[in-house]
Protein backbone atom coordinates (compact mmCIF):
# COMPACT_ATOMS: atom_id res chain seq x y z
CA MET A 1 95.39 93.79 117.62
CA GLN A 2 93.69 96.69 115.93
CA ALA A 3 91.31 98.72 118.07
CA LEU A 4 88.34 100.12 116.21
CA PRO A 5 87.06 103.47 117.38
CA THR A 6 83.68 103.32 119.05
CA GLN A 7 81.45 106.34 119.27
CA GLY A 8 82.16 108.67 122.14
CA SER A 9 84.94 106.65 123.71
CA SER A 10 88.67 106.81 123.55
CA LEU A 11 90.79 104.23 121.88
CA GLU A 12 92.26 103.02 125.14
CA GLU A 13 91.71 99.38 125.93
CA PRO A 14 88.45 98.72 127.77
CA ILE A 15 88.79 97.84 131.43
CA LEU A 16 86.45 94.88 131.00
CA LYS A 17 85.64 92.95 127.86
CA VAL A 18 83.33 89.95 128.02
CA GLU A 19 82.57 88.04 124.83
CA GLY A 20 80.12 85.18 124.26
CA LEU A 21 80.09 84.25 127.94
CA SER A 22 77.94 81.33 129.14
CA VAL A 23 77.99 79.80 132.60
CA ILE A 24 76.39 76.57 133.75
CA ARG A 25 75.99 75.86 137.47
CA SER A 26 74.72 72.51 138.75
CA GLY A 27 73.70 71.53 135.24
CA LYS A 28 71.60 74.66 134.70
CA LEU A 29 72.42 77.37 132.19
CA ILE A 30 72.56 80.54 134.32
CA ILE A 31 73.87 83.08 131.85
CA GLU A 32 74.05 82.71 128.12
CA ASP A 33 76.04 84.41 125.40
CA ILE A 34 76.87 87.66 127.17
CA ASP A 35 78.86 90.43 125.50
CA LEU A 36 79.81 93.35 127.69
CA THR A 37 82.42 96.10 127.44
CA VAL A 38 83.12 98.53 130.27
CA ARG A 39 85.41 101.53 129.74
CA LYS A 40 87.35 103.64 132.19
CA GLY A 41 85.25 106.00 134.31
CA GLU A 42 81.91 104.32 133.57
CA PHE A 43 79.34 103.64 136.29
CA VAL A 44 77.41 100.62 135.08
CA GLY A 45 74.40 99.25 136.95
CA ILE A 46 73.21 95.68 136.38
CA VAL A 47 69.58 94.96 137.25
CA GLY A 48 67.31 91.96 136.80
CA PRO A 49 65.03 89.66 138.75
CA ASN A 50 66.35 87.34 141.47
CA GLY A 51 68.10 84.33 140.03
CA SER A 52 68.73 86.09 136.74
CA GLY A 53 72.49 85.51 136.88
CA LYS A 54 73.69 88.89 138.20
CA THR A 55 75.92 87.53 140.98
CA THR A 56 77.03 84.65 138.74
CA LEU A 57 78.21 87.19 136.17
CA LEU A 58 80.23 89.10 138.78
CA LEU A 59 81.77 85.96 140.25
CA THR A 60 82.77 84.79 136.78
CA ILE A 61 84.36 88.16 135.96
CA LEU A 62 86.29 87.88 139.23
CA GLY A 63 87.41 84.38 138.27
CA ILE A 64 85.73 82.69 141.23
CA LEU A 65 83.39 80.77 138.92
CA LYS A 66 84.52 79.21 135.66
CA ALA A 67 82.96 80.10 132.34
CA ASN A 68 81.68 77.27 130.15
CA SER A 69 82.29 79.26 127.00
CA GLY A 70 83.33 82.73 125.99
CA LYS A 71 86.16 84.93 127.13
CA ILE A 72 86.76 87.58 129.78
CA ARG A 73 89.57 90.11 129.76
CA ILE A 74 90.18 92.68 132.50
CA TYR A 75 92.83 95.21 131.54
CA GLY A 76 93.65 92.72 128.80
CA SER A 77 94.36 89.90 131.29
CA LYS A 78 92.40 86.80 132.27
CA PRO A 79 90.49 86.86 135.57
CA MET A 80 92.70 86.10 138.58
CA SER A 81 95.90 86.95 136.66
CA LYS A 82 98.81 88.23 138.67
CA GLU A 83 98.77 91.41 136.57
CA LEU A 84 95.42 92.28 138.11
CA ASP A 85 96.73 92.26 141.65
CA GLY A 86 95.46 95.39 143.37
CA LYS A 87 93.58 96.66 140.33
CA ILE A 88 90.14 95.31 141.22
CA SER A 89 88.26 95.71 144.43
CA TRP A 90 85.22 93.62 145.26
CA VAL A 91 82.51 94.67 147.72
CA SER A 92 80.22 91.74 148.42
CA GLN A 93 76.65 91.86 149.65
CA ALA A 94 77.74 90.41 152.99
CA ALA A 95 79.84 93.48 153.63
CA SER A 96 77.42 95.28 155.89
CA ASN A 97 76.71 92.07 157.83
CA LEU A 98 80.12 92.02 159.46
CA PRO A 99 79.88 90.20 162.81
CA SER A 100 78.90 92.67 165.53
CA ASP A 101 81.62 91.37 167.86
CA LEU A 102 84.31 92.16 165.30
CA ARG A 103 87.01 94.06 167.20
CA VAL A 104 88.37 96.11 164.37
CA THR A 105 88.02 99.87 164.01
CA VAL A 106 86.96 101.67 160.85
CA ARG A 107 90.54 102.89 160.38
CA GLU A 108 91.98 99.37 160.78
CA LEU A 109 89.47 97.98 158.29
CA VAL A 110 90.35 100.66 155.76
CA GLU A 111 94.09 100.05 156.37
CA LEU A 112 93.55 96.45 155.31
CA GLY A 113 92.63 97.77 151.89
CA ALA A 114 95.94 99.60 151.65
CA LEU A 115 97.86 96.36 152.15
CA ASN A 116 98.74 94.19 149.22
CA ARG A 117 101.30 91.51 148.59
CA GLY A 118 104.01 94.03 147.86
CA ASN A 119 103.66 96.38 150.80
CA MET A 120 102.86 94.25 153.80
CA PHE A 121 105.42 96.17 155.88
CA SER A 122 104.86 99.67 154.64
CA ARG A 123 101.39 100.34 155.94
CA TRP A 124 102.40 103.66 157.48
CA ARG A 125 103.54 104.98 154.16
CA ASP A 126 99.94 104.64 153.04
CA LYS A 127 98.59 106.75 155.87
CA GLU A 128 97.68 109.54 153.46
CA LYS A 129 95.73 107.12 151.27
CA VAL A 130 93.91 105.72 154.31
CA ASN A 131 93.00 109.22 155.55
CA GLN A 132 91.75 110.13 152.10
CA ALA A 133 89.60 106.99 151.84
CA ILE A 134 88.06 107.57 155.28
CA GLU A 135 87.31 111.14 154.28
CA MET A 136 85.77 110.13 150.96
CA VAL A 137 83.33 107.80 152.68
CA GLY A 138 82.61 110.42 155.34
CA LEU A 139 83.58 108.38 158.42
CA GLN A 140 86.21 110.65 160.01
CA ASP A 141 84.10 111.08 163.15
CA VAL A 142 83.86 107.31 163.77
CA GLU A 143 87.27 106.22 162.46
CA ASN A 144 88.28 104.79 165.86
CA THR A 145 84.96 103.06 166.53
CA ASP A 146 84.64 99.30 166.21
CA VAL A 147 82.98 98.44 162.91
CA GLY A 148 80.53 96.16 164.76
CA ARG A 149 79.00 99.16 166.53
CA LEU A 150 78.16 101.07 163.37
CA SER A 151 74.86 101.19 161.51
CA GLY A 152 74.47 99.07 158.37
CA GLY A 153 74.96 102.13 156.16
CA GLN A 154 78.16 103.14 157.96
CA ARG A 155 79.57 99.62 157.74
CA GLN A 156 78.91 99.56 154.05
CA ARG A 157 80.76 102.87 153.75
CA ALA A 158 83.65 101.44 155.77
CA VAL A 159 83.91 98.46 153.40
CA ILE A 160 83.84 100.80 150.41
CA GLY A 161 86.52 102.84 152.20
CA ARG A 162 88.64 99.72 152.32
CA ALA A 163 88.11 99.27 148.58
CA LEU A 164 89.20 102.89 148.00
CA ALA A 165 92.33 102.61 150.09
CA SER A 166 93.53 99.96 147.70
CA LYS A 167 94.81 101.34 144.41
CA ALA A 168 91.97 99.54 142.67
CA GLU A 169 90.58 101.48 139.75
CA PHE A 170 87.82 98.99 139.03
CA ILE A 171 85.30 98.53 141.84
CA ILE A 172 82.74 95.74 141.59
CA LEU A 173 79.83 95.83 144.02
CA ASP A 174 77.19 93.17 144.59
CA GLU A 175 73.99 94.56 146.14
CA PRO A 176 75.73 97.18 148.28
CA LEU A 177 72.38 98.71 149.24
CA VAL A 178 70.83 95.71 150.97
CA GLY A 179 69.77 96.43 154.54
CA ILE A 180 70.54 100.12 154.30
CA ASP A 181 67.99 102.82 155.08
CA ARG A 182 66.87 105.17 152.35
CA GLN A 183 68.87 108.16 153.54
CA SER A 184 72.20 106.29 153.75
CA ARG A 185 71.37 104.72 150.43
CA SER A 186 71.23 107.99 148.54
CA SER A 187 74.39 109.34 150.14
CA LEU A 188 76.15 106.06 149.34
CA LEU A 189 75.10 106.29 145.71
CA LYS A 190 76.22 109.91 145.57
CA LEU A 191 79.58 108.78 146.93
CA LEU A 192 79.93 106.12 144.22
CA ASP A 193 79.00 108.65 141.57
CA ASN A 194 81.68 111.05 142.87
CA LEU A 195 84.25 108.26 142.75
CA CYS A 196 83.66 107.98 139.02
CA HIS A 197 83.79 111.70 138.38
CA GLU A 198 86.48 112.79 140.80
CA ALA A 199 88.66 109.77 141.43
CA ASN A 200 88.23 108.33 137.92
CA LYS A 201 87.22 104.94 139.28
CA THR A 202 85.21 102.53 137.15
CA ILE A 203 82.22 100.95 138.84
CA LEU A 204 80.18 97.87 138.03
CA MET A 205 77.33 97.42 140.46
CA VAL A 206 74.59 94.84 140.76
CA SER A 207 71.39 95.83 142.52
CA HIS A 208 67.74 94.86 142.54
CA ASP A 209 66.91 98.42 143.55
CA LEU A 210 65.91 99.70 140.16
CA ALA A 211 64.99 103.19 141.32
CA ALA A 212 68.31 103.69 143.11
CA ILE A 213 70.40 102.54 140.17
CA ARG A 214 68.37 104.68 137.83
CA GLN A 215 69.28 107.76 139.84
CA THR A 216 73.01 107.19 139.65
CA ALA A 217 74.36 104.75 137.09
CA HIS A 218 75.28 106.29 133.74
CA ARG A 219 74.52 103.08 131.94
CA MET A 220 72.18 100.22 132.78
CA ILE A 221 72.11 96.58 131.87
CA TYR A 222 69.03 94.45 132.29
CA LEU A 223 70.10 90.86 132.71
CA GLU A 224 67.88 87.82 132.65
CA GLU A 225 70.03 84.87 131.54
CA SER A 226 71.13 87.06 128.65
CA ILE A 227 71.37 90.83 128.32
CA LYS A 228 67.96 92.19 127.37
CA PHE A 229 68.93 95.85 127.51
CA ASP A 230 72.25 97.69 127.62
CA GLY A 231 72.28 101.43 127.18
CA GLU A 232 72.21 104.85 128.73
CA THR A 233 70.14 105.14 131.87
CA SER A 234 68.08 107.92 130.32
CA ILE A 235 66.65 105.50 127.75
CA PHE A 236 66.11 102.57 130.14
CA PRO A 237 62.66 101.12 129.34
CA GLU A 238 59.64 102.01 131.42
CA LEU A 239 58.20 99.29 133.65
CA THR A 240 55.55 98.19 131.17
CA GLU A 241 58.11 97.76 128.40
CA LEU A 242 60.37 95.94 130.84
CA ALA A 243 57.60 93.48 131.56
CA GLU A 244 57.24 92.89 127.84
CA LEU A 245 61.01 92.39 127.54
CA ARG A 246 60.55 89.65 130.11
CA GLY A 247 57.62 88.21 128.17
CA ILE A 248 55.08 89.17 130.83
CA MET A 249 51.96 90.53 129.23
CA PRO A 250 49.37 92.69 130.99
CA VAL A 251 46.85 90.60 132.84
CA HIS A 252 44.48 93.30 134.01
CA GLY A 253 44.25 95.53 131.00
CA GLU A 254 45.40 99.04 131.72
CA ASP A 255 45.60 99.04 135.52
CA HIS A 256 48.52 96.62 135.67
CA HIS A 257 51.03 99.48 136.09
CA HIS A 258 50.23 99.80 139.77
CA HIS A 259 51.07 96.20 140.51
CA HIS A 260 54.44 96.55 138.88
CA HIS A 261 55.24 99.64 140.89
CA SER A 262 54.57 97.94 144.18
CA ASP A 263 56.56 94.89 143.11
CA ILE A 264 59.55 96.96 142.34
CA LYS A 265 59.43 98.91 145.57
CA ASN A 266 59.67 95.63 147.36
CA GLY A 267 62.78 94.84 145.45
CA ASP A 268 61.45 92.06 143.28
CA LEU A 269 63.41 93.28 140.34
């Protein structure tokens, strides 16, 4: 297979390549004809209104949902292939809602990430990796505290710590900012950004928090059944153009900007 050079990127195989992907759930077309390529070290944010297919796209990439047409390759393999074992880490939106009576410490939770099929009995050899992950998510001072006693932001960090302790290079996050206060949110995003730059991880993150993603992701995708925008964050459309992308025309002449702003703050996008 001949790789064609693309501008500004190396010739190495993309981590994720999605071509012509459509998914139908309960008889309804949720996503249609999606093409998406993610390369090593990218931090890609996917935004779009509720019900626009963001989670469906992630679950299909992970192989949990089946595609109706199109093809997905991760490191050149099909979703759920054995070759992908340990290469992908998934942080779901339920992560920070761990049951409060869960008797597991931050360190134990992170150690779970360091386990995989091949090293069930060598967890102590991975101590260094576990320490490093706990440090990267800034939880050294609570590493022996039960996860259930932490704040939502700290739990989310602990779950990301677990993802880091695995060797996974490709981290997929679904709404990791839900239920997290503003301050933890920006430090969490800074952490993810550092992971790309310093640990050379590749991140694909879904969020309805447009402002937050705009601050950190290098590239943004606006998804509403199909991809309506895919490009550098710096050229992501302004809110009025976004509304036009969605086919929503101004109702109140010029003062409609304000309404959009308040909508977005409340996370409608």
